[in-house]
N, C-alpha and C. Protein backbone atom coordinates (compact mmCIF):
# COMPACT_ATOMS: atom_id res chain seq x y z
N UNK A 1 -3.50 -26.45 -2.31
CA UNK A 1 -2.77 -25.43 -2.74
C UNK A 1 -2.37 -24.50 -1.79
N UNK A 2 -0.97 -24.17 -1.81
CA UNK A 2 -0.62 -23.16 -0.77
C UNK A 2 -0.57 -21.80 -1.29
N UNK A 3 -0.05 -20.85 -0.35
CA UNK A 3 0.04 -19.43 -0.92
C UNK A 3 1.48 -19.07 -1.48
N UNK A 4 1.40 -18.08 -2.17
CA UNK A 4 3.09 -17.78 -2.83
C UNK A 4 3.45 -16.43 -2.06
N UNK A 5 4.60 -16.10 -1.86
CA UNK A 5 5.06 -15.03 -1.00
C UNK A 5 6.30 -14.32 -2.08
N UNK A 6 6.06 -12.96 -2.26
CA UNK A 6 6.83 -12.18 -3.26
C UNK A 6 7.33 -11.13 -2.24
N UNK A 7 8.67 -10.85 -2.44
CA UNK A 7 9.23 -9.61 -1.92
C UNK A 7 10.10 -9.04 -2.97
N UNK A 8 9.35 -8.16 -3.70
CA UNK A 8 9.96 -7.63 -5.07
C UNK A 8 11.17 -6.81 -4.81
N UNK A 9 12.13 -6.74 -5.98
CA UNK A 9 13.09 -5.90 -6.19
C UNK A 9 12.52 -4.66 -6.24
N UNK A 10 12.93 -3.73 -5.54
CA UNK A 10 12.69 -2.33 -5.75
C UNK A 10 12.06 -1.72 -4.50
N UNK A 11 11.72 -2.84 -3.64
CA UNK A 11 11.25 -2.62 -2.23
C UNK A 11 12.30 -3.13 -1.18
N UNK A 12 12.36 -2.53 0.14
CA UNK A 12 13.22 -3.00 0.98
C UNK A 12 12.67 -4.39 1.47
N UNK A 13 13.75 -5.22 1.89
CA UNK A 13 13.73 -6.56 2.28
C UNK A 13 12.91 -6.48 3.61
N UNK A 14 11.42 -6.87 3.72
CA UNK A 14 10.60 -6.67 5.02
C UNK A 14 10.95 -7.96 5.71
N UNK A 15 11.50 -8.97 5.50
CA UNK A 15 11.69 -10.26 6.50
C UNK A 15 12.31 -9.87 7.91
N UNK A 16 13.14 -8.78 7.91
CA UNK A 16 13.97 -8.50 9.27
C UNK A 16 12.80 -7.45 9.93
N UNK A 17 11.93 -7.31 9.36
CA UNK A 17 10.93 -6.43 9.99
C UNK A 17 9.65 -7.28 10.52
N UNK A 18 9.76 -8.62 10.06
CA UNK A 18 8.82 -9.58 10.29
C UNK A 18 7.56 -9.87 9.48
N UNK A 19 7.77 -9.38 8.41
CA UNK A 19 6.65 -9.90 7.26
C UNK A 19 7.05 -9.76 5.81
N UNK A 20 6.14 -9.99 4.81
CA UNK A 20 6.41 -10.47 3.55
C UNK A 20 5.78 -9.09 2.92
N UNK A 21 5.99 -8.63 1.82
CA UNK A 21 5.17 -7.58 0.97
C UNK A 21 3.90 -8.03 0.33
N UNK A 22 3.91 -9.16 -0.36
CA UNK A 22 2.86 -9.79 -1.11
C UNK A 22 2.43 -11.08 -1.01
N UNK A 23 1.44 -11.44 -0.58
CA UNK A 23 1.00 -13.00 -0.51
C UNK A 23 -0.21 -13.05 -1.65
N UNK A 24 0.25 -14.00 -2.57
CA UNK A 24 -0.85 -14.43 -3.48
C UNK A 24 -1.46 -16.01 -2.88
N UNK A 25 -2.73 -15.82 -2.62
CA UNK A 25 -3.56 -16.83 -1.94
C UNK A 25 -4.36 -17.59 -3.11
N UNK A 26 -4.82 -18.75 -2.95
CA UNK A 26 -5.48 -19.58 -3.57
C UNK A 26 -6.64 -18.84 -4.10
N UNK A 27 -7.34 -19.00 -5.30
CA UNK A 27 -8.35 -18.42 -5.39
C UNK A 27 -8.32 -16.88 -6.16
N UNK A 28 -7.13 -16.39 -6.37
CA UNK A 28 -6.86 -15.26 -7.12
C UNK A 28 -6.79 -13.88 -5.82
N UNK A 29 -6.89 -14.11 -4.74
CA UNK A 29 -6.82 -12.95 -3.94
C UNK A 29 -5.28 -12.64 -3.69
N UNK A 30 -4.82 -11.30 -3.71
CA UNK A 30 -3.56 -11.13 -3.26
C UNK A 30 -3.64 -9.82 -2.21
N UNK A 31 -2.69 -10.21 -1.23
CA UNK A 31 -2.70 -9.05 -0.27
C UNK A 31 -1.37 -8.30 -0.02
N UNK A 32 -1.51 -7.13 -0.07
CA UNK A 32 -0.30 -6.42 -0.12
C UNK A 32 -0.17 -5.84 1.31
N UNK A 33 1.02 -6.33 1.79
CA UNK A 33 1.31 -5.55 3.20
C UNK A 33 1.42 -3.92 3.20
N UNK A 34 1.25 -3.39 4.42
CA UNK A 34 1.37 -2.00 4.48
C UNK A 34 2.48 -1.38 4.02
N UNK A 35 2.43 -0.49 2.96
CA UNK A 35 3.65 0.22 2.13
C UNK A 35 3.46 1.58 2.81
N UNK A 36 4.84 2.01 2.77
CA UNK A 36 5.10 3.59 3.26
C UNK A 36 6.23 3.80 2.53
N UNK A 37 6.54 5.25 2.93
CA UNK A 37 7.30 5.98 2.09
C UNK A 37 8.75 5.53 2.37
N UNK A 38 9.18 4.32 1.95
CA UNK A 38 10.48 3.73 2.23
C UNK A 38 11.29 3.62 1.12
N UNK A 39 12.54 3.77 1.25
CA UNK A 39 13.35 3.66 0.13
C UNK A 39 14.05 2.06 0.16
N UNK A 40 14.90 1.59 -0.65
CA UNK A 40 15.03 0.28 -0.99
C UNK A 40 15.91 -0.36 0.42
N UNK A 41 16.12 0.64 1.31
CA UNK A 41 16.73 0.05 2.58
C UNK A 41 15.64 0.01 3.72
N UNK A 42 14.67 0.40 3.44
CA UNK A 42 13.44 0.55 4.36
C UNK A 42 13.22 2.08 5.18
N UNK A 43 14.18 3.02 4.90
CA UNK A 43 14.16 4.36 5.46
C UNK A 43 13.08 5.03 5.10
N UNK A 44 12.36 6.06 5.77
CA UNK A 44 11.47 6.91 5.53
C UNK A 44 12.15 8.09 4.37
N UNK A 45 11.45 8.09 3.63
CA UNK A 45 12.20 9.17 2.38
C UNK A 45 11.83 10.47 2.34
N UNK A 46 10.81 10.90 3.11
CA UNK A 46 10.49 12.38 3.42
C UNK A 46 9.70 12.60 4.67
N UNK A 47 9.80 13.83 5.20
CA UNK A 47 8.77 14.29 6.20
C UNK A 47 7.73 14.82 5.91
N UNK A 48 7.45 15.10 4.52
CA UNK A 48 6.26 15.91 4.03
C UNK A 48 5.24 14.85 3.80
N UNK A 49 4.15 15.12 4.44
CA UNK A 49 2.96 14.03 4.15
C UNK A 49 2.55 13.67 3.08
N UNK A 50 2.43 14.62 2.07
CA UNK A 50 2.10 14.55 0.65
C UNK A 50 3.05 13.56 -0.05
N UNK A 51 4.27 13.89 0.11
CA UNK A 51 5.45 13.06 -0.42
C UNK A 51 5.24 11.62 0.01
N UNK A 52 4.89 11.56 1.28
CA UNK A 52 4.96 10.13 1.91
C UNK A 52 3.71 9.40 1.22
N UNK A 53 2.51 10.04 1.05
CA UNK A 53 1.49 9.36 0.49
C UNK A 53 2.16 9.16 -1.21
N UNK A 54 2.73 9.94 -1.94
CA UNK A 54 3.06 9.70 -3.27
C UNK A 54 3.92 8.28 -3.17
N UNK A 55 5.01 8.66 -2.31
CA UNK A 55 5.92 7.31 -2.42
C UNK A 55 5.33 5.96 -2.08
N UNK A 56 4.40 5.87 -1.09
CA UNK A 56 3.60 4.96 -0.60
C UNK A 56 3.00 4.13 -1.58
N UNK A 57 2.08 5.01 -2.42
CA UNK A 57 1.53 4.74 -3.43
C UNK A 57 2.42 4.13 -4.61
N UNK A 58 3.48 4.67 -4.93
CA UNK A 58 4.30 4.24 -5.91
C UNK A 58 4.96 2.78 -5.36
N UNK A 59 4.93 2.53 -4.17
CA UNK A 59 5.61 1.26 -3.50
C UNK A 59 4.49 0.35 -3.71
N UNK A 60 3.26 0.66 -3.36
CA UNK A 60 1.96 -0.16 -3.70
C UNK A 60 2.00 -0.56 -4.98
N UNK A 61 2.20 0.32 -5.88
CA UNK A 61 2.28 -0.02 -7.62
C UNK A 61 3.26 -1.00 -7.85
N UNK A 62 4.58 -1.07 -7.04
CA UNK A 62 5.65 -1.94 -7.58
C UNK A 62 5.25 -3.24 -6.66
N UNK A 63 4.64 -3.46 -5.60
CA UNK A 63 4.14 -4.41 -5.10
C UNK A 63 3.11 -5.20 -6.00
N UNK A 64 1.96 -4.53 -6.35
CA UNK A 64 1.09 -5.20 -7.14
C UNK A 64 1.73 -5.67 -8.36
N UNK A 65 2.51 -4.96 -9.16
CA UNK A 65 3.22 -5.50 -10.42
C UNK A 65 3.85 -6.67 -10.10
N UNK A 66 4.57 -6.90 -9.00
CA UNK A 66 5.35 -8.07 -8.79
C UNK A 66 4.48 -9.26 -8.85
N UNK A 67 3.02 -9.00 -8.56
CA UNK A 67 1.97 -10.18 -8.64
C UNK A 67 1.52 -10.11 -10.17
N UNK A 68 1.72 -9.35 -10.84
CA UNK A 68 1.23 -9.24 -12.48
C UNK A 68 -0.14 -8.44 -12.28
N UNK A 69 -0.40 -7.28 -11.14
CA UNK A 69 -1.42 -6.66 -11.24
C UNK A 69 -1.15 -5.26 -11.32
N UNK A 70 -2.09 -4.45 -11.14
CA UNK A 70 -1.95 -3.28 -11.29
C UNK A 70 -3.23 -2.42 -10.49
N UNK A 71 -3.40 -1.35 -10.15
CA UNK A 71 -4.35 -0.51 -9.33
C UNK A 71 -5.78 -0.85 -9.66
N UNK A 72 -5.93 -1.20 -11.08
CA UNK A 72 -7.31 -1.57 -11.36
C UNK A 72 -7.88 -2.84 -10.77
N UNK A 73 -6.80 -3.68 -10.24
CA UNK A 73 -7.11 -4.93 -9.46
C UNK A 73 -7.37 -4.81 -8.17
N UNK A 74 -7.09 -3.61 -7.42
CA UNK A 74 -7.59 -3.59 -6.15
C UNK A 74 -9.04 -3.25 -5.74
N UNK A 75 -9.28 -4.19 -4.87
CA UNK A 75 -10.81 -4.05 -4.46
C UNK A 75 -11.01 -3.29 -2.73
N UNK A 76 -9.69 -3.24 -2.11
CA UNK A 76 -9.78 -2.72 -0.76
C UNK A 76 -8.38 -2.18 -0.40
N UNK A 77 -8.64 -0.95 0.26
CA UNK A 77 -7.30 -0.37 0.83
C UNK A 77 -7.78 -0.12 2.32
N UNK A 78 -6.58 -0.09 2.93
CA UNK A 78 -6.71 0.40 4.43
C UNK A 78 -5.72 1.32 4.50
N UNK A 79 -5.86 2.64 5.00
CA UNK A 79 -5.06 3.78 5.00
C UNK A 79 -4.85 4.08 6.63
N UNK A 80 -3.71 4.48 6.85
CA UNK A 80 -3.34 4.81 8.39
C UNK A 80 -2.69 6.20 8.47
N UNK A 81 -3.25 7.38 9.00
CA UNK A 81 -2.56 8.36 8.92
C UNK A 81 -2.21 9.02 10.37
N UNK A 82 -0.89 9.38 10.49
CA UNK A 82 -0.54 9.90 11.99
C UNK A 82 -1.13 11.21 12.14
N UNK A 83 -1.88 11.44 13.19
CA UNK A 83 -2.41 12.74 13.66
C UNK A 83 -3.60 13.34 12.26
N UNK A 84 -4.29 12.29 12.07
CA UNK A 84 -5.11 12.59 10.84
C UNK A 84 -6.07 13.98 11.08
N UNK A 85 -6.28 14.71 10.09
CA UNK A 85 -6.94 15.78 10.01
C UNK A 85 -7.70 16.18 8.76
N UNK A 86 -8.48 17.03 8.57
CA UNK A 86 -9.09 17.38 7.41
C UNK A 86 -8.20 17.69 6.26
N UNK A 87 -7.06 18.39 6.54
CA UNK A 87 -6.04 18.67 5.56
C UNK A 87 -5.39 17.46 4.82
N UNK A 88 -4.90 16.66 5.81
CA UNK A 88 -4.59 15.50 5.28
C UNK A 88 -5.25 14.67 4.35
N UNK A 89 -6.55 14.62 4.60
CA UNK A 89 -7.71 13.73 4.06
C UNK A 89 -7.78 14.26 2.68
N UNK A 90 -7.67 15.61 2.41
CA UNK A 90 -7.66 16.50 1.35
C UNK A 90 -6.61 15.86 0.36
N UNK A 91 -5.21 15.75 1.06
CA UNK A 91 -4.09 15.47 0.27
C UNK A 91 -4.37 14.00 -0.26
N UNK A 92 -4.61 12.97 0.66
CA UNK A 92 -4.88 11.70 0.27
C UNK A 92 -5.94 11.46 -0.78
N UNK A 93 -7.06 12.07 -0.72
CA UNK A 93 -8.01 12.02 -1.80
C UNK A 93 -7.31 12.47 -3.12
N UNK A 94 -6.84 13.52 -3.26
CA UNK A 94 -6.14 14.10 -4.22
C UNK A 94 -5.32 12.86 -5.08
N UNK A 95 -4.80 12.22 -4.13
CA UNK A 95 -3.65 11.11 -4.61
C UNK A 95 -4.57 9.90 -5.30
N UNK A 96 -5.74 9.65 -4.35
CA UNK A 96 -6.45 8.48 -4.70
C UNK A 96 -7.22 8.65 -6.02
N UNK A 97 -7.71 9.85 -6.06
CA UNK A 97 -8.34 10.23 -7.39
C UNK A 97 -7.60 10.34 -8.58
N UNK A 98 -6.33 10.36 -8.57
CA UNK A 98 -5.35 10.20 -9.60
C UNK A 98 -5.26 9.10 -10.00
N UNK A 99 -5.21 8.10 -9.17
CA UNK A 99 -4.96 6.87 -9.43
C UNK A 99 -6.26 5.87 -9.92
N UNK A 100 -7.20 6.02 -9.16
CA UNK A 100 -8.70 5.40 -9.37
C UNK A 100 -9.82 6.35 -9.86
N UNK A 101 -9.57 7.75 -10.10
CA UNK A 101 -10.68 8.54 -10.42
C UNK A 101 -12.00 8.57 -9.80
N UNK A 102 -12.96 8.06 -10.44
CA UNK A 102 -14.24 8.23 -9.67
C UNK A 102 -14.86 6.47 -9.19
N UNK A 103 -13.77 5.71 -9.37
CA UNK A 103 -13.95 4.35 -8.88
C UNK A 103 -13.00 3.98 -8.09
N UNK A 104 -13.06 4.50 -6.86
CA UNK A 104 -11.97 4.05 -5.94
C UNK A 104 -12.37 2.55 -5.21
N UNK A 105 -11.32 1.89 -4.60
CA UNK A 105 -11.70 0.71 -4.00
C UNK A 105 -12.25 0.90 -2.49
N UNK A 106 -12.98 0.01 -1.95
CA UNK A 106 -13.29 0.11 -0.49
C UNK A 106 -12.24 0.78 0.29
N UNK A 107 -12.58 1.57 1.21
CA UNK A 107 -11.28 1.95 1.75
C UNK A 107 -11.82 2.05 3.62
N UNK A 108 -10.73 1.96 4.39
CA UNK A 108 -11.03 2.03 5.84
C UNK A 108 -9.74 2.93 6.16
N UNK A 109 -9.95 4.01 6.45
CA UNK A 109 -9.26 5.28 7.03
C UNK A 109 -8.97 4.99 8.46
N UNK A 110 -7.76 4.92 9.09
CA UNK A 110 -7.62 4.91 10.59
C UNK A 110 -6.60 6.02 11.04
N UNK A 111 -7.03 6.88 11.86
CA UNK A 111 -6.09 7.86 12.20
C UNK A 111 -5.60 7.32 13.47
N UNK A 112 -4.11 7.42 13.60
CA UNK A 112 -3.31 6.69 14.51
C UNK A 112 -2.53 7.80 15.19
N UNK A 113 -1.76 7.29 16.27
CA UNK A 113 -1.08 8.28 17.17
C UNK A 113 0.38 8.15 16.48
N UNK A 114 0.72 6.72 15.99
CA UNK A 114 2.07 6.54 15.49
C UNK A 114 1.91 5.33 14.52
N UNK A 115 2.88 5.19 13.82
CA UNK A 115 3.05 3.95 13.00
C UNK A 115 4.51 3.17 13.35
N UNK A 116 4.90 2.13 12.53
CA UNK A 116 5.99 1.19 12.99
C UNK A 116 7.14 1.83 13.09
N UNK A 117 7.54 2.97 12.51
CA UNK A 117 8.96 3.60 12.38
C UNK A 117 8.68 5.16 12.71
N UNK A 118 9.83 5.66 13.36
CA UNK A 118 9.87 7.11 13.57
C UNK A 118 9.69 7.89 12.14
N UNK A 119 8.89 8.90 12.14
CA UNK A 119 9.10 9.50 10.80
C UNK A 119 7.84 9.10 9.94
N UNK A 120 7.18 7.91 10.05
CA UNK A 120 6.31 7.45 9.25
C UNK A 120 4.91 8.24 9.68
N UNK A 121 4.35 8.68 8.59
CA UNK A 121 2.86 9.65 8.62
C UNK A 121 1.90 8.99 7.99
N UNK A 122 2.32 7.99 7.09
CA UNK A 122 1.12 7.37 6.10
C UNK A 122 1.71 5.95 5.91
N UNK A 123 0.66 5.15 5.74
CA UNK A 123 0.75 3.61 5.58
C UNK A 123 -0.48 3.21 4.85
N UNK A 124 -0.30 2.27 3.77
CA UNK A 124 -1.57 1.98 2.96
C UNK A 124 -1.20 0.39 2.80
N UNK A 125 -2.21 -0.46 2.97
CA UNK A 125 -2.43 -1.70 2.50
C UNK A 125 -3.50 -2.00 1.62
N UNK A 126 -3.50 -3.09 1.03
CA UNK A 126 -4.42 -3.31 -0.15
C UNK A 126 -4.78 -5.08 -0.24
N UNK A 127 -5.91 -5.26 -0.79
CA UNK A 127 -6.25 -6.69 -1.23
C UNK A 127 -6.68 -6.48 -2.74
N UNK A 128 -6.23 -7.18 -3.59
CA UNK A 128 -6.45 -7.33 -4.91
C UNK A 128 -7.03 -8.57 -5.24
N UNK A 129 -7.63 -8.71 -6.52
CA UNK A 129 -8.06 -9.93 -7.12
C UNK A 129 -7.64 -9.96 -8.44
N UNK A 130 -6.84 -11.08 -8.69
CA UNK A 130 -6.28 -11.31 -9.91
C UNK A 130 -7.49 -11.60 -11.03
N UNK A 131 -7.22 -10.88 -12.37
CA UNK A 131 -8.38 -10.99 -13.31
C UNK A 131 -9.02 -12.35 -13.65
N UNK A 132 -7.85 -13.47 -13.63
CA UNK A 132 -8.39 -14.73 -13.88
C UNK A 132 -9.27 -15.32 -12.93
N UNK A 133 -9.31 -14.76 -11.76
CA UNK A 133 -10.41 -15.11 -10.59
C UNK A 133 -11.65 -14.64 -10.69
N UNK A 134 -11.74 -13.51 -11.51
CA UNK A 134 -13.07 -12.91 -11.60
C UNK A 134 -13.97 -13.50 -12.54
N UNK A 135 -15.33 -13.46 -12.18
CA UNK A 135 -16.32 -14.18 -12.76
C UNK A 135 -16.93 -13.04 -13.79
């Protein structure tokens, strides 16, 4: 069995950037590439950190939905924050609590000097498990 690649409508075409948004692997694992505050052309939509987190999470939701999944199916996230500090962590946690409440997925947060495009302040990638693959 091979993997399926999905690049959903509503998100920019990532192929020109050298990746795909969603890969559904055998066994029910679904990998979501780093989502950032992008519009449908791949442009960063805001210079505000909180707005970037909100848009990135909305894009993550779009990517998950394209695989028939939702936030409840996410088992791991990796977040990347430019010039990470306690204030940005507070903003991030507020958004994560809104989505996952007291049951967030496993997370690795990395503070970085920069991300792939100018103006990007935040990026999130995820691993999800399709309900049909759970025991």
